[in-house]
PDB file of N, CA and C in Angstrom:
ATOM      1  N   MET A   1      21.965 -30.910  -8.001  1.00  0.00           N
ATOM      2  CA  MET A   1      21.357 -30.312  -6.855  1.00  0.00           C
ATOM      3  C   MET A   1      21.977 -28.928  -6.664  1.00  0.00           C
ATOM      4  N   LYS A   2      21.115 -27.944  -6.398  1.00  0.00           N
ATOM      5  CA  LYS A   2      21.558 -26.583  -6.171  1.00  0.00           C
ATOM      6  C   LYS A   2      21.965 -26.417  -4.716  1.00  0.00           C
ATOM      7  N   ILE A   3      23.091 -25.758  -4.482  1.00  0.00           N
ATOM      8  CA  ILE A   3      23.566 -25.524  -3.129  1.00  0.00           C
ATOM      9  C   ILE A   3      23.359 -24.043  -2.810  1.00  0.00           C
ATOM     10  N   TYR A   4      22.777 -23.784  -1.652  1.00  0.00           N
ATOM     11  CA  TYR A   4      22.495 -22.432  -1.204  1.00  0.00           C
ATOM     12  C   TYR A   4      23.467 -22.063  -0.090  1.00  0.00           C
ATOM     13  N   GLY A   5      23.911 -20.814  -0.087  1.00  0.00           N
ATOM     14  CA  GLY A   5      24.862 -20.357   0.918  1.00  0.00           C
ATOM     15  C   GLY A   5      24.268 -20.199   2.303  1.00  0.00           C
ATOM     16  N   THR A   6      23.025 -19.741   2.365  1.00  0.00           N
ATOM     17  CA  THR A   6      22.401 -19.501   3.669  1.00  0.00           C
ATOM     18  C   THR A   6      20.935 -19.921   3.618  1.00  0.00           C
ATOM     19  N   LEU A   7      20.360 -20.039   4.797  1.00  0.00           N
ATOM     20  CA  LEU A   7      18.937 -20.352   4.890  1.00  0.00           C
ATOM     21  C   LEU A   7      18.114 -19.237   4.249  1.00  0.00           C
ATOM     22  N   GLU A   8      18.540 -17.992   4.440  1.00  0.00           N
ATOM     23  CA  GLU A   8      17.829 -16.851   3.854  1.00  0.00           C
ATOM     24  C   GLU A   8      17.779 -16.976   2.330  1.00  0.00           C
ATOM     25  N   VAL A   9      18.888 -17.275   1.709  1.00  0.00           N
ATOM     26  CA  VAL A   9      18.940 -17.427   0.247  1.00  0.00           C
ATOM     27  C   VAL A   9      18.025 -18.572  -0.184  1.00  0.00           C
ATOM     28  N   PHE A  10      18.066 -19.674   0.551  1.00  0.00           N
ATOM     29  CA  PHE A  10      17.205 -20.814   0.240  1.00  0.00           C
ATOM     30  C   PHE A  10      15.730 -20.426   0.317  1.00  0.00           C
ATOM     31  N   LEU A  11      15.320 -19.758   1.414  1.00  0.00           N
ATOM     32  CA  LEU A  11      13.921 -19.363   1.572  1.00  0.00           C
ATOM     33  C   LEU A  11      13.471 -18.423   0.463  1.00  0.00           C
ATOM     34  N   VAL A  12      14.283 -17.432   0.152  1.00  0.00           N
ATOM     35  CA  VAL A  12      13.927 -16.479  -0.907  1.00  0.00           C
ATOM     36  C   VAL A  12      13.774 -17.208  -2.240  1.00  0.00           C
ATOM     37  N   GLU A  13      14.688 -18.105  -2.552  1.00  0.00           N
ATOM     38  CA  GLU A  13      14.593 -18.867  -3.809  1.00  0.00           C
ATOM     39  C   GLU A  13      13.335 -19.735  -3.837  1.00  0.00           C
ATOM     40  N   GLN A  14      13.024 -20.383  -2.719  1.00  0.00           N
ATOM     41  CA  GLN A  14      11.811 -21.210  -2.658  1.00  0.00           C
ATOM     42  C   GLN A  14      10.558 -20.359  -2.845  1.00  0.00           C
ATOM     43  N   LEU A  15      10.529 -19.191  -2.221  1.00  0.00           N
ATOM     44  CA  LEU A  15       9.384 -18.293  -2.358  1.00  0.00           C
ATOM     45  C   LEU A  15       9.258 -17.781  -3.788  1.00  0.00           C
ATOM     46  N   LYS A  16      10.386 -17.547  -4.458  1.00  0.00           N
ATOM     47  CA  LYS A  16      10.369 -17.126  -5.868  1.00  0.00           C
ATOM     48  C   LYS A  16       9.809 -18.249  -6.741  1.00  0.00           C
ATOM     49  N   GLU A  17      10.298 -19.456  -6.531  1.00  0.00           N
ATOM     50  CA  GLU A  17       9.905 -20.598  -7.356  1.00  0.00           C
ATOM     51  C   GLU A  17       8.437 -20.955  -7.201  1.00  0.00           C
ATOM     52  N   HIS A  18       7.928 -20.889  -5.971  1.00  0.00           N
ATOM     53  CA  HIS A  18       6.557 -21.325  -5.719  1.00  0.00           C
ATOM     54  C   HIS A  18       5.532 -20.225  -5.928  1.00  0.00           C
ATOM     55  N   GLY A  19       5.974 -18.972  -5.868  1.00  0.00           N
ATOM     56  CA  GLY A  19       5.094 -17.858  -6.168  1.00  0.00           C
ATOM     57  C   GLY A  19       4.022 -17.566  -5.135  1.00  0.00           C
ATOM     58  N   ASP A  20       3.220 -18.547  -4.758  1.00  0.00           N
ATOM     59  CA  ASP A  20       2.139 -18.332  -3.802  1.00  0.00           C
ATOM     60  C   ASP A  20       2.717 -18.319  -2.396  1.00  0.00           C
ATOM     61  N   VAL A  21       2.649 -17.167  -1.768  1.00  0.00           N
ATOM     62  CA  VAL A  21       3.240 -17.016  -0.438  1.00  0.00           C
ATOM     63  C   VAL A  21       2.218 -17.129   0.680  1.00  0.00           C
ATOM     64  N   SER A  22       0.963 -17.313   0.344  1.00  0.00           N
ATOM     65  CA  SER A  22      -0.088 -17.303   1.364  1.00  0.00           C
ATOM     66  C   SER A  22       0.104 -18.409   2.402  1.00  0.00           C
ATOM     67  N   GLY A  23       0.489 -19.600   1.998  1.00  0.00           N
ATOM     68  CA  GLY A  23       0.709 -20.694   2.952  1.00  0.00           C
ATOM     69  C   GLY A  23       1.862 -20.392   3.898  1.00  0.00           C
ATOM     70  N   TYR A  24       2.927 -19.847   3.351  1.00  0.00           N
ATOM     71  CA  TYR A  24       4.087 -19.478   4.164  1.00  0.00           C
ATOM     72  C   TYR A  24       3.699 -18.402   5.181  1.00  0.00           C
ATOM     73  N   LEU A  25       2.996 -17.361   4.708  1.00  0.00           N
ATOM     74  CA  LEU A  25       2.584 -16.286   5.611  1.00  0.00           C
ATOM     75  C   LEU A  25       1.576 -16.773   6.650  1.00  0.00           C
ATOM     76  N   ALA A  26       0.692 -17.680   6.272  1.00  0.00           N
ATOM     77  CA  ALA A  26      -0.264 -18.236   7.236  1.00  0.00           C
ATOM     78  C   ALA A  26       0.480 -18.973   8.346  1.00  0.00           C
ATOM     79  N   ALA A  27       1.504 -19.742   7.991  1.00  0.00           N
ATOM     80  CA  ALA A  27       2.297 -20.462   8.994  1.00  0.00           C
ATOM     81  C   ALA A  27       3.041 -19.484   9.902  1.00  0.00           C
ATOM     82  N   VAL A  28       3.582 -18.425   9.315  1.00  0.00           N
ATOM     83  CA  VAL A  28       4.293 -17.419  10.099  1.00  0.00           C
ATOM     84  C   VAL A  28       3.337 -16.733  11.068  1.00  0.00           C
ATOM     85  N   MET A  29       2.137 -16.390  10.595  1.00  0.00           N
ATOM     86  CA  MET A  29       1.168 -15.718  11.458  1.00  0.00           C
ATOM     87  C   MET A  29       0.673 -16.653  12.563  1.00  0.00           C
ATOM     88  N   GLU A  30       0.580 -17.940  12.258  1.00  0.00           N
ATOM     89  CA  GLU A  30       0.202 -18.914  13.293  1.00  0.00           C
ATOM     90  C   GLU A  30       1.287 -18.983  14.367  1.00  0.00           C
ATOM     91  N   GLU A  31       2.529 -18.990  13.943  1.00  0.00           N
ATOM     92  CA  GLU A  31       3.635 -18.970  14.901  1.00  0.00           C
ATOM     93  C   GLU A  31       3.608 -17.695  15.739  1.00  0.00           C
ATOM     94  N   TYR A  32       3.282 -16.573  15.094  1.00  0.00           N
ATOM     95  CA  TYR A  32       3.189 -15.323  15.834  1.00  0.00           C
ATOM     96  C   TYR A  32       2.084 -15.408  16.888  1.00  0.00           C
ATOM     97  N   GLN A  33       0.962 -16.017  16.525  1.00  0.00           N
ATOM     98  CA  GLN A  33      -0.160 -16.162  17.461  1.00  0.00           C
ATOM     99  C   GLN A  33       0.263 -16.965  18.694  1.00  0.00           C
ATOM    100  N   ILE A  34       1.102 -17.956  18.487  1.00  0.00           N
ATOM    101  CA  ILE A  34       1.559 -18.813  19.591  1.00  0.00           C
ATOM    102  C   ILE A  34       2.629 -18.126  20.431  1.00  0.00           C
ATOM    103  N   HIS A  35       3.643 -17.564  19.768  1.00  0.00           N
ATOM    104  CA  HIS A  35       4.821 -17.077  20.474  1.00  0.00           C
ATOM    105  C   HIS A  35       4.900 -15.557  20.610  1.00  0.00           C
ATOM    106  N   GLY A  36       4.140 -14.829  19.795  1.00  0.00           N
ATOM    107  CA  GLY A  36       4.134 -13.375  19.895  1.00  0.00           C
ATOM    108  C   GLY A  36       5.440 -12.707  19.496  1.00  0.00           C
ATOM    109  N   ASN A  37       6.215 -13.336  18.623  1.00  0.00           N
ATOM    110  CA  ASN A  37       7.504 -12.795  18.217  1.00  0.00           C
ATOM    111  C   ASN A  37       7.343 -11.981  16.926  1.00  0.00           C
ATOM    112  N   LEU A  38       7.223 -10.669  17.069  1.00  0.00           N
ATOM    113  CA  LEU A  38       7.031  -9.790  15.922  1.00  0.00           C
ATOM    114  C   LEU A  38       8.212  -9.841  14.960  1.00  0.00           C
ATOM    115  N   ALA A  39       9.414 -10.011  15.481  1.00  0.00           N
ATOM    116  CA  ALA A  39      10.602 -10.051  14.627  1.00  0.00           C
ATOM    117  C   ALA A  39      10.499 -11.168  13.590  1.00  0.00           C
ATOM    118  N   THR A  40       9.871 -12.280  13.954  1.00  0.00           N
ATOM    119  CA  THR A  40       9.689 -13.389  13.017  1.00  0.00           C
ATOM    120  C   THR A  40       8.794 -12.969  11.851  1.00  0.00           C
ATOM    121  N   VAL A  41       7.727 -12.238  12.149  1.00  0.00           N
ATOM    122  CA  VAL A  41       6.816 -11.763  11.098  1.00  0.00           C
ATOM    123  C   VAL A  41       7.547 -10.792  10.183  1.00  0.00           C
ATOM    124  N   GLN A  42       8.264  -9.858  10.759  1.00  0.00           N
ATOM    125  CA  GLN A  42       8.978  -8.870   9.953  1.00  0.00           C
ATOM    126  C   GLN A  42      10.057  -9.531   9.098  1.00  0.00           C
ATOM    127  N   LEU A  43      10.749 -10.510   9.643  1.00  0.00           N
ATOM    128  CA  LEU A  43      11.770 -11.226   8.880  1.00  0.00           C
ATOM    129  C   LEU A  43      11.125 -11.995   7.721  1.00  0.00           C
ATOM    130  N   ALA A  44      10.025 -12.663   7.995  1.00  0.00           N
ATOM    131  CA  ALA A  44       9.321 -13.401   6.945  1.00  0.00           C
ATOM    132  C   ALA A  44       8.860 -12.455   5.838  1.00  0.00           C
ATOM    133  N   LEU A  45       8.345 -11.300   6.218  1.00  0.00           N
ATOM    134  CA  LEU A  45       7.913 -10.325   5.210  1.00  0.00           C
ATOM    135  C   LEU A  45       9.099  -9.827   4.389  1.00  0.00           C
ATOM    136  N   ARG A  46      10.246  -9.672   5.008  1.00  0.00           N
ATOM    137  CA  ARG A  46      11.443  -9.268   4.245  1.00  0.00           C
ATOM    138  C   ARG A  46      11.824 -10.346   3.236  1.00  0.00           C
ATOM    139  N   TYR A  47      11.740 -11.624   3.632  1.00  0.00           N
ATOM    140  CA  TYR A  47      12.041 -12.708   2.697  1.00  0.00           C
ATOM    141  C   TYR A  47      11.057 -12.698   1.522  1.00  0.00           C
ATOM    142  N   VAL A  48       9.782 -12.545   1.835  1.00  0.00           N
ATOM    143  CA  VAL A  48       8.756 -12.549   0.791  1.00  0.00           C
ATOM    144  C   VAL A  48       8.962 -11.371  -0.155  1.00  0.00           C
ATOM    145  N   ILE A  49       9.233 -10.197   0.408  1.00  0.00           N
ATOM    146  CA  ILE A  49       9.438  -9.008  -0.418  1.00  0.00           C
ATOM    147  C   ILE A  49      10.681  -9.158  -1.281  1.00  0.00           C
ATOM    148  N   GLU A  50      11.724  -9.755  -0.732  1.00  0.00           N
ATOM    149  CA  GLU A  50      12.930 -10.019  -1.527  1.00  0.00           C
ATOM    150  C   GLU A  50      12.600 -10.946  -2.706  1.00  0.00           C
ATOM    151  N   ALA A  51      11.791 -11.951  -2.453  1.00  0.00           N
ATOM    152  CA  ALA A  51      11.386 -12.877  -3.511  1.00  0.00           C
ATOM    153  C   ALA A  51      10.527 -12.191  -4.574  1.00  0.00           C
ATOM    154  N   GLN A  52       9.870 -11.099  -4.188  1.00  0.00           N
ATOM    155  CA  GLN A  52       9.017 -10.344  -5.111  1.00  0.00           C
ATOM    156  C   GLN A  52       9.812  -9.303  -5.895  1.00  0.00           C
ATOM    157  N   GLY A  53      11.119  -9.292  -5.750  1.00  0.00           N
ATOM    158  CA  GLY A  53      11.945  -8.348  -6.502  1.00  0.00           C
ATOM    159  C   GLY A  53      12.660  -7.316  -5.649  1.00  0.00           C
ATOM    160  N   GLY A  54      12.480  -7.377  -4.342  1.00  0.00           N
ATOM    161  CA  GLY A  54      13.171  -6.460  -3.445  1.00  0.00           C
ATOM    162  C   GLY A  54      12.300  -5.293  -3.015  1.00  0.00           C
ATOM    163  N   ILE A  55      12.811  -4.523  -2.075  1.00  0.00           N
ATOM    164  CA  ILE A  55      12.065  -3.409  -1.484  1.00  0.00           C
ATOM    165  C   ILE A  55      11.635  -2.407  -2.543  1.00  0.00           C
ATOM    166  N   SER A  56      12.534  -1.961  -3.384  1.00  0.00           N
ATOM    167  CA  SER A  56      12.203  -0.916  -4.371  1.00  0.00           C
ATOM    168  C   SER A  56      11.082  -1.362  -5.298  1.00  0.00           C
ATOM    169  N   GLU A  57      11.187  -2.571  -5.793  1.00  0.00           N
ATOM    170  CA  GLU A  57      10.163  -3.095  -6.713  1.00  0.00           C
ATOM    171  C   GLU A  57       8.834  -3.298  -5.989  1.00  0.00           C
ATOM    172  N   PHE A  58       8.890  -3.857  -4.796  1.00  0.00           N
ATOM    173  CA  PHE A  58       7.667  -4.121  -4.051  1.00  0.00           C
ATOM    174  C   PHE A  58       6.997  -2.822  -3.607  1.00  0.00           C
ATOM    175  N   ALA A  59       7.794  -1.818  -3.268  1.00  0.00           N
ATOM    176  CA  ALA A  59       7.246  -0.529  -2.837  1.00  0.00           C
ATOM    177  C   ALA A  59       6.345   0.071  -3.917  1.00  0.00           C
ATOM    178  N   LYS A  60       6.685  -0.154  -5.172  1.00  0.00           N
ATOM    179  CA  LYS A  60       5.854   0.347  -6.276  1.00  0.00           C
ATOM    180  C   LYS A  60       4.456  -0.269  -6.236  1.00  0.00           C
ATOM    181  N   LYS A  61       4.360  -1.532  -5.828  1.00  0.00           N
ATOM    182  CA  LYS A  61       3.066  -2.217  -5.747  1.00  0.00           C
ATOM    183  C   LYS A  61       2.221  -1.705  -4.593  1.00  0.00           C
ATOM    184  N   THR A  62       2.875  -1.200  -3.547  1.00  0.00           N
ATOM    185  CA  THR A  62       2.152  -0.812  -2.342  1.00  0.00           C
ATOM    186  C   THR A  62       1.856   0.680  -2.258  1.00  0.00           C
ATOM    187  N   GLY A  63       2.644   1.478  -2.973  1.00  0.00           N
ATOM    188  CA  GLY A  63       2.504   2.921  -2.839  1.00  0.00           C
ATOM    189  C   GLY A  63       3.212   3.448  -1.599  1.00  0.00           C
ATOM    190  N   ILE A  64       3.920   2.593  -0.895  1.00  0.00           N
ATOM    191  CA  ILE A  64       4.710   2.993   0.265  1.00  0.00           C
ATOM    192  C   ILE A  64       6.118   3.312  -0.231  1.00  0.00           C
ATOM    193  N   ALA A  65       6.674   4.420   0.209  1.00  0.00           N
ATOM    194  CA  ALA A  65       8.037   4.779  -0.186  1.00  0.00           C
ATOM    195  C   ALA A  65       8.999   3.671   0.242  1.00  0.00           C
ATOM    196  N   PRO A  66       9.970   3.321  -0.613  1.00  0.00           N
ATOM    197  CA  PRO A  66      10.906   2.245  -0.268  1.00  0.00           C
ATOM    198  C   PRO A  66      11.577   2.431   1.091  1.00  0.00           C
ATOM    199  N   GLN A  67      11.994   3.648   1.408  1.00  0.00           N
ATOM    200  CA  GLN A  67      12.657   3.917   2.691  1.00  0.00           C
ATOM    201  C   GLN A  67      11.710   3.659   3.858  1.00  0.00           C
ATOM    202  N   VAL A  68      10.443   4.075   3.718  1.00  0.00           N
ATOM    203  CA  VAL A  68       9.453   3.880   4.778  1.00  0.00           C
ATOM    204  C   VAL A  68       9.173   2.387   4.966  1.00  0.00           C
ATOM    205  N   LEU A  69       9.032   1.665   3.868  1.00  0.00           N
ATOM    206  CA  LEU A  69       8.791   0.223   3.924  1.00  0.00           C
ATOM    207  C   LEU A  69       9.967  -0.492   4.583  1.00  0.00           C
ATOM    208  N   SER A  70      11.165  -0.147   4.175  1.00  0.00           N
ATOM    209  CA  SER A  70      12.360  -0.758   4.746  1.00  0.00           C
ATOM    210  C   SER A  70      12.454  -0.481   6.242  1.00  0.00           C
ATOM    211  N   GLU A  71      12.209   0.764   6.638  1.00  0.00           N
ATOM    212  CA  GLU A  71      12.259   1.113   8.062  1.00  0.00           C
ATOM    213  C   GLU A  71      11.199   0.363   8.862  1.00  0.00           C
ATOM    214  N   ALA A  72      10.002   0.205   8.293  1.00  0.00           N
ATOM    215  CA  ALA A  72       8.930  -0.521   8.990  1.00  0.00           C
ATOM    216  C   ALA A  72       9.312  -1.970   9.229  1.00  0.00           C
ATOM    217  N   LEU A  73       9.983  -2.576   8.257  1.00  0.00           N
ATOM    218  CA  LEU A  73      10.355  -3.985   8.379  1.00  0.00           C
ATOM    219  C   LEU A  73      11.595  -4.195   9.248  1.00  0.00           C
ATOM    220  N   GLU A  74      12.380  -3.155   9.440  1.00  0.00           N
ATOM    221  CA  GLU A  74      13.584  -3.255  10.268  1.00  0.00           C
ATOM    222  C   GLU A  74      13.342  -2.801  11.701  1.00  0.00           C
ATOM    223  N   SER A  75      12.262  -2.085  11.943  1.00  0.00           N
ATOM    224  CA  SER A  75      11.989  -1.490  13.250  1.00  0.00           C
ATOM    225  C   SER A  75      11.667  -2.546  14.302  1.00  0.00           C
ATOM    226  N   THR A  76      11.929  -2.196  15.545  1.00  0.00           N
ATOM    227  CA  THR A  76      11.514  -3.057  16.649  1.00  0.00           C
ATOM    228  C   THR A  76      10.095  -2.707  17.090  1.00  0.00           C
ATOM    229  N   ASP A  77       9.544  -1.633  16.523  1.00  0.00           N
ATOM    230  CA  ASP A  77       8.158  -1.260  16.804  1.00  0.00           C
ATOM    231  C   ASP A  77       7.218  -2.167  16.016  1.00  0.00           C
ATOM    232  N   PRO A  78       6.055  -2.458  16.570  1.00  0.00           N
ATOM    233  CA  PRO A  78       5.083  -3.286  15.844  1.00  0.00           C
ATOM    234  C   PRO A  78       4.651  -2.621  14.533  1.00  0.00           C
ATOM    235  N   LEU A  79       4.420  -3.439  13.535  1.00  0.00           N
ATOM    236  CA  LEU A  79       3.891  -2.926  12.271  1.00  0.00           C
ATOM    237  C   LEU A  79       2.479  -2.416  12.488  1.00  0.00           C
ATOM    238  N   ARG A  80       2.161  -1.308  11.882  1.00  0.00           N
ATOM    239  CA  ARG A  80       0.795  -0.783  11.960  1.00  0.00           C
ATOM    240  C   ARG A  80      -0.123  -1.695  11.155  1.00  0.00           C
ATOM    241  N   ILE A  81      -1.348  -1.832  11.597  1.00  0.00           N
ATOM    242  CA  ILE A  81      -2.278  -2.733  10.911  1.00  0.00           C
ATOM    243  C   ILE A  81      -2.558  -2.268   9.491  1.00  0.00           C
ATOM    244  N   ASP A  82      -2.577  -0.962   9.243  1.00  0.00           N
ATOM    245  CA  ASP A  82      -2.807  -0.485   7.885  1.00  0.00           C
ATOM    246  C   ASP A  82      -1.610  -0.797   6.990  1.00  0.00           C
ATOM    247  N   THR A  83      -0.412  -0.798   7.566  1.00  0.00           N
ATOM    248  CA  THR A  83       0.779  -1.176   6.799  1.00  0.00           C
ATOM    249  C   THR A  83       0.730  -2.664   6.470  1.00  0.00           C
ATOM    250  N   LEU A  84       0.369  -3.485   7.450  1.00  0.00           N
ATOM    251  CA  LEU A  84       0.224  -4.930   7.199  1.00  0.00           C
ATOM    252  C   LEU A  84      -0.817  -5.201   6.120  1.00  0.00           C
ATOM    253  N   ARG A  85      -1.962  -4.511   6.206  1.00  0.00           N
ATOM    254  CA  ARG A  85      -3.025  -4.695   5.211  1.00  0.00           C
ATOM    255  C   ARG A  85      -2.513  -4.349   3.817  1.00  0.00           C
ATOM    256  N   THR A  86      -1.770  -3.252   3.704  1.00  0.00           N
ATOM    257  CA  THR A  86      -1.236  -2.835   2.410  1.00  0.00           C
ATOM    258  C   THR A  86      -0.236  -3.856   1.877  1.00  0.00           C
ATOM    259  N   ILE A  87       0.671  -4.319   2.725  1.00  0.00           N
ATOM    260  CA  ILE A  87       1.670  -5.308   2.307  1.00  0.00           C
ATOM    261  C   ILE A  87       0.988  -6.608   1.915  1.00  0.00           C
ATOM    262  N   PHE A  88       0.104  -7.115   2.767  1.00  0.00           N
ATOM    263  CA  PHE A  88      -0.592  -8.362   2.460  1.00  0.00           C
ATOM    264  C   PHE A  88      -1.418  -8.221   1.184  1.00  0.00           C
ATOM    265  N   GLY A  89      -2.082  -7.098   1.008  1.00  0.00           N
ATOM    266  CA  GLY A  89      -2.870  -6.878  -0.203  1.00  0.00           C
ATOM    267  C   GLY A  89      -2.016  -6.940  -1.457  1.00  0.00           C
ATOM    268  N   ALA A  90      -0.831  -6.335  -1.411  1.00  0.00           N
ATOM    269  CA  ALA A  90       0.082  -6.372  -2.558  1.00  0.00           C
ATOM    270  C   ALA A  90       0.593  -7.779  -2.831  1.00  0.00           C
ATOM    271  N   LEU A  91       0.555  -8.634  -1.804  1.00  0.00           N
ATOM    272  CA  LEU A  91       0.967 -10.032  -1.961  1.00  0.00           C
ATOM    273  C   LEU A  91      -0.201 -10.943  -2.352  1.00  0.00           C
ATOM    274  N   GLY A  92      -1.391 -10.350  -2.479  1.00  0.00           N
ATOM    275  CA  GLY A  92      -2.566 -11.138  -2.832  1.00  0.00           C
ATOM    276  C   GLY A  92      -3.177 -11.858  -1.651  1.00  0.00           C
ATOM    277  N   CYS A  93      -2.906 -11.384  -0.442  1.00  0.00           N
ATOM    278  CA  CYS A  93      -3.423 -11.988   0.784  1.00  0.00           C
ATOM    279  C   CYS A  93      -4.240 -10.951   1.546  1.00  0.00           C
ATOM    280  N   CYS A  94      -4.960 -11.411   2.557  1.00  0.00           N
ATOM    281  CA  CYS A  94      -5.684 -10.472   3.401  1.00  0.00           C
ATOM    282  C   CYS A  94      -5.553 -10.902   4.858  1.00  0.00           C
ATOM    283  N   LEU A  95      -5.768  -9.934   5.732  1.00  0.00           N
ATOM    284  CA  LEU A  95      -5.836 -10.232   7.158  1.00  0.00           C
ATOM    285  C   LEU A  95      -7.250 -10.686   7.448  1.00  0.00           C
ATOM    286  N   SER A  96      -7.408 -11.640   8.315  1.00  0.00           N
ATOM    287  CA  SER A  96      -8.753 -12.089   8.663  1.00  0.00           C
ATOM    288  C   SER A  96      -8.778 -12.536  10.126  1.00  0.00           C
ATOM    289  N   ILE A  97      -9.978 -12.647  10.643  1.00  0.00           N
ATOM    290  CA  ILE A  97     -10.175 -13.071  12.020  1.00  0.00           C
ATOM    291  C   ILE A  97     -10.794 -14.463  12.013  1.00  0.00           C
ATOM    292  N   THR A  98     -10.228 -15.360  12.815  1.00  0.00           N
ATOM    293  CA  THR A  98     -10.735 -16.712  12.945  1.00  0.00           C
ATOM    294  C   THR A  98     -10.872 -17.017  14.433  1.00  0.00           C
ATOM    295  N   PRO A  99     -12.007 -17.538  14.855  1.00  0.00           N
ATOM    296  CA  PRO A  99     -12.135 -17.895  16.275  1.00  0.00           C
ATOM    297  C   PRO A  99     -11.054 -18.901  16.667  1.00  0.00           C
ATOM    298  N   LEU A 100     -10.509 -18.731  17.863  1.00  0.00           N
ATOM    299  CA  LEU A 100      -9.442 -19.629  18.307  1.00  0.00           C
ATOM    300  C   LEU A 100      -9.870 -21.084  18.300  1.00  0.00           C
ATOM    301  N   GLU A 101     -11.129 -21.367  18.647  1.00  0.00           N
ATOM    302  CA  GLU A 101     -11.553 -22.765  18.674  1.00  0.00           C
ATOM    303  C   GLU A 101     -11.609 -23.376  17.273  1.00  0.00           C
ATOM    304  N   ALA A 102     -11.619 -22.538  16.244  1.00  0.00           N
ATOM    305  CA  ALA A 102     -11.647 -23.041  14.874  1.00  0.00           C
ATOM    306  C   ALA A 102     -10.231 -23.322  14.350  1.00  0.00           C
ATOM    307  N   VAL A 103      -9.245 -22.903  15.112  1.00  0.00           N
ATOM    308  CA  VAL A 103      -7.844 -23.067  14.719  1.00  0.00           C
ATOM    309  C   VAL A 103      -7.266 -24.187  15.568  1.00  0.00           C
ATOM    310  N   ASP A 104      -6.041 -24.576  15.252  1.00  0.00           N
ATOM    311  CA  ASP A 104      -5.334 -25.611  15.992  1.00  0.00           C
ATOM    312  C   ASP A 104      -5.460 -25.387  17.502  1.00  0.00           C
ATOM    313  N   VAL A 105      -5.743 -26.416  18.240  1.00  0.00           N
ATOM    314  CA  VAL A 105      -5.963 -26.320  19.686  1.00  0.00           C
ATOM    315  C   VAL A 105      -4.715 -25.895  20.453  1.00  0.00           C
ATOM    316  N   HIS A 106      -3.544 -25.915  19.817  1.00  0.00           N
ATOM    317  CA  HIS A 106      -2.309 -25.558  20.489  1.00  0.00           C
ATOM    318  C   HIS A 106      -2.081 -24.062  20.530  1.00  0.00           C
ATOM    319  N   ILE A 107      -2.849 -23.319  19.764  1.00  0.00           N
ATOM    320  CA  ILE A 107      -2.651 -21.878  19.725  1.00  0.00           C
ATOM    321  C   ILE A 107      -3.224 -21.246  20.986  1.00  0.00           C
ATOM    322  N   LYS A 108      -2.394 -20.445  21.611  1.00  0.00           N
ATOM    323  CA  LYS A 108      -2.827 -19.680  22.784  1.00  0.00           C
ATOM    324  C   LYS A 108      -2.541 -18.219  22.497  1.00  0.00           C
ATOM    325  N   VAL A 109      -3.326 -17.355  23.045  1.00  0.00           N
ATOM    326  CA  VAL A 109      -3.080 -15.938  22.881  1.00  0.00           C
ATOM    327  C   VAL A 109      -1.772 -15.607  23.600  1.00  0.00           C
ATOM    328  N   ALA A 110      -0.859 -14.981  22.868  1.00  0.00           N
ATOM    329  CA  ALA A 110       0.440 -14.627  23.458  1.00  0.00           C
ATOM    330  C   ALA A 110       0.229 -13.545  24.499  1.00  0.00           C
ATOM    331  N   SER A 111       0.933 -13.667  25.593  1.00  0.00           N
ATOM    332  CA  SER A 111       0.797 -12.652  26.651  1.00  0.00           C
ATOM    333  C   SER A 111       2.063 -11.839  26.779  1.00  0.00           C
TER     334      SER A 111
END
């Protein structure tokens, strides 16, 4: 059995091993819809990007300068929708709209 030093290391390794991050990101976005915690989304994106080879490697896929990408993920300001679209696109995912009634009944619009 492999022992991991931190939860972060464990998550990054799991994301590397499984490759498909869409389920993980969907769960994170669902949590964001419920709780409205942007820091959780940014942290999850940092884990996913780390699993993809790190900021420098991932920045090449997005065309976003590594410093700009890093600052966007570390900022307390909300991510711009065009930045999210670019990041999700490089991960093979897309942003989409789903009616609330079509999603889990526990989701409420965060206020």
